[in-house]
């Protein structure tokens, strides 16, 4: 499964389109009601995952801002520009 921000955004947009397509279902019809119930459960689970993903991305952005502010980097970035290295190996 893909895990880039763009991939996640595309997946969530696809789900929203699919949910919008369910608006023609009849809640009085047993088969339609089952489809709607399943779609709602998937939407709830996706919303939870999306919220967690959003928090992770926010934390990464906050960390990048803080490292930039203090002129430091992690061990995964070249230090040719004179920044101090924190953590990592080396």
C-alpha atoms as a PDB file:
ATOM      1  CA  UNK A   1       0.000   0.000   0.000  1.00  0.00           C
ATOM      2  CA  UNK A   2       1.208   3.479  -0.794  1.00  0.00           C
ATOM      3  CA  UNK A   3       1.904   5.838   2.035  1.00  0.00           C
ATOM      4  CA  UNK A   4       2.755   9.220   0.556  1.00  0.00           C
ATOM      5  CA  UNK A   5       0.647  12.188   1.547  1.00  0.00           C
ATOM      6  CA  UNK A   6      -0.643  12.489  -2.026  1.00  0.00           C
ATOM      7  CA  UNK A   7      -1.618   8.797  -2.078  1.00  0.00           C
ATOM      8  CA  UNK A   8      -3.530   9.138   1.190  1.00  0.00           C
ATOM      9  CA  UNK A   9      -5.267  12.296  -0.029  1.00  0.00           C
ATOM     10  CA  UNK A  10      -6.255  10.545  -3.294  1.00  0.00           C
ATOM     11  CA  UNK A  11      -7.593   7.530  -1.378  1.00  0.00           C
ATOM     12  CA  UNK A  12      -9.708   9.715   0.919  1.00  0.00           C
ATOM     13  CA  UNK A  13     -11.056  11.720  -2.037  1.00  0.00           C
ATOM     14  CA  UNK A  14     -11.987   8.442  -3.760  1.00  0.00           C
ATOM     15  CA  UNK A  15     -13.824   7.315  -0.639  1.00  0.00           C
ATOM     16  CA  UNK A  16     -15.732  10.589  -0.456  1.00  0.00           C
ATOM     17  CA  UNK A  17     -16.817  10.193  -4.091  1.00  0.00           C
ATOM     18  CA  UNK A  18     -17.950   6.629  -3.371  1.00  0.00           C
ATOM     19  CA  UNK A  19     -19.927   7.791  -0.323  1.00  0.00           C
ATOM     20  CA  UNK A  20     -21.559  10.537  -2.379  1.00  0.00           C
ATOM     21  CA  UNK A  21     -22.575   7.876  -4.897  1.00  0.00           C
ATOM     22  CA  UNK A  22     -24.522   6.064  -2.189  1.00  0.00           C
ATOM     23  CA  UNK A  23     -26.990   8.931  -1.850  1.00  0.00           C
ATOM     24  CA  UNK A  24     -29.301   7.234  -4.369  1.00  0.00           C
ATOM     25  CA  UNK A  25     -29.733   4.168  -2.151  1.00  0.00           C
ATOM     26  CA  UNK A  26     -33.060   3.672  -0.410  1.00  0.00           C
ATOM     27  CA  UNK A  27     -32.744   3.239   3.382  1.00  0.00           C
ATOM     28  CA  UNK A  28     -36.111   1.440   3.344  1.00  0.00           C
ATOM     29  CA  UNK A  29     -34.634  -1.290   1.123  1.00  0.00           C
ATOM     30  CA  UNK A  30     -32.895  -4.016   3.153  1.00  0.00           C
ATOM     31  CA  UNK A  31     -30.062  -4.539   0.631  1.00  0.00           C
ATOM     32  CA  UNK A  32     -29.435  -0.806   0.324  1.00  0.00           C
ATOM     33  CA  UNK A  33     -29.522  -0.447   4.108  1.00  0.00           C
ATOM     34  CA  UNK A  34     -26.821  -3.123   4.408  1.00  0.00           C
ATOM     35  CA  UNK A  35     -24.666  -1.343   1.807  1.00  0.00           C
ATOM     36  CA  UNK A  36     -25.108   1.945   3.646  1.00  0.00           C
ATOM     37  CA  UNK A  37     -24.234   0.390   7.015  1.00  0.00           C
ATOM     38  CA  UNK A  38     -21.064  -1.176   5.593  1.00  0.00           C
ATOM     39  CA  UNK A  39     -20.080   2.108   3.941  1.00  0.00           C
ATOM     40  CA  UNK A  40     -20.589   3.998   7.204  1.00  0.00           C
ATOM     41  CA  UNK A  41     -18.323   1.569   9.098  1.00  0.00           C
ATOM     42  CA  UNK A  42     -15.601   1.882   6.448  1.00  0.00           C
ATOM     43  CA  UNK A  43     -15.947   5.670   6.520  1.00  0.00           C
ATOM     44  CA  UNK A  44     -15.614   5.730  10.329  1.00  0.00           C
ATOM     45  CA  UNK A  45     -12.480   3.581  10.219  1.00  0.00           C
ATOM     46  CA  UNK A  46     -10.993   5.692   7.437  1.00  0.00           C
ATOM     47  CA  UNK A  47     -11.723   8.885   9.351  1.00  0.00           C
ATOM     48  CA  UNK A  48      -9.850   7.520  12.358  1.00  0.00           C
ATOM     49  CA  UNK A  49      -6.852   6.536  10.264  1.00  0.00           C
ATOM     50  CA  UNK A  50      -6.909   9.897   8.475  1.00  0.00           C
ATOM     51  CA  UNK A  51      -6.941  11.729  11.817  1.00  0.00           C
ATOM     52  CA  UNK A  52      -3.929   9.745  13.044  1.00  0.00           C
ATOM     53  CA  UNK A  53      -2.099  10.322   9.754  1.00  0.00           C
ATOM     54  CA  UNK A  54      -2.810  14.051  10.016  1.00  0.00           C
ATOM     55  CA  UNK A  55      -1.332  14.132  13.523  1.00  0.00           C
ATOM     56  CA  UNK A  56       1.815  12.317  12.355  1.00  0.00           C
ATOM     57  CA  UNK A  57       2.302  14.718   9.453  1.00  0.00           C
ATOM     58  CA  UNK A  58       1.729  17.698  11.767  1.00  0.00           C
ATOM     59  CA  UNK A  59       4.356  16.355  14.199  1.00  0.00           C
ATOM     60  CA  UNK A  60       6.831  15.887  11.339  1.00  0.00           C
ATOM     61  CA  UNK A  61       6.243  19.456  10.150  1.00  0.00           C
ATOM     62  CA  UNK A  62       6.642  20.830  13.684  1.00  0.00           C
ATOM     63  CA  UNK A  63       9.882  18.866  14.122  1.00  0.00           C
ATOM     64  CA  UNK A  64      11.243  20.127  10.798  1.00  0.00           C
ATOM     65  CA  UNK A  65      10.427  23.720  11.788  1.00  0.00           C
ATOM     66  CA  UNK A  66      12.115  23.325  15.172  1.00  0.00           C
ATOM     67  CA  UNK A  67      15.223  21.756  13.634  1.00  0.00           C
ATOM     68  CA  UNK A  68      15.396  24.559  11.077  1.00  0.00           C
ATOM     69  CA  UNK A  69      14.978  27.178  13.776  1.00  0.00           C
ATOM     70  CA  UNK A  70      17.849  25.737  15.811  1.00  0.00           C
ATOM     71  CA  UNK A  71      20.036  24.934  12.792  1.00  0.00           C
ATOM     72  CA  UNK A  72      20.253  21.194  13.439  1.00  0.00           C
ATOM     73  CA  UNK A  73      19.544  18.097  11.390  1.00  0.00           C
ATOM     74  CA  UNK A  74      19.124  14.372  11.927  1.00  0.00           C
ATOM     75  CA  UNK A  75      21.732  11.814  10.925  1.00  0.00           C
ATOM     76  CA  UNK A  76      19.979  11.182   7.609  1.00  0.00           C
ATOM     77  CA  UNK A  77      20.977  14.534   6.078  1.00  0.00           C
ATOM     78  CA  UNK A  78      24.385  15.615   4.775  1.00  0.00           C
ATOM     79  CA  UNK A  79      26.146  18.119   7.027  1.00  0.00           C
ATOM     80  CA  UNK A  80      28.091  19.897   4.275  1.00  0.00           C
ATOM     81  CA  UNK A  81      26.102  23.067   4.976  1.00  0.00           C
ATOM     82  CA  UNK A  82      27.489  23.351   8.522  1.00  0.00           C
ATOM     83  CA  UNK A  83      24.410  22.361  10.489  1.00  0.00           C
ATOM     84  CA  UNK A  84      24.884  20.455  13.727  1.00  0.00           C
ATOM     85  CA  UNK A  85      23.794  16.826  13.720  1.00  0.00           C
ATOM     86  CA  UNK A  86      21.526  15.413  16.428  1.00  0.00           C
ATOM     87  CA  UNK A  87      20.665  11.747  16.857  1.00  0.00           C
ATOM     88  CA  UNK A  88      21.225   9.293  14.036  1.00  0.00           C
ATOM     89  CA  UNK A  89      24.484   7.492  13.455  1.00  0.00           C
ATOM     90  CA  UNK A  90      27.829   9.042  12.877  1.00  0.00           C
END
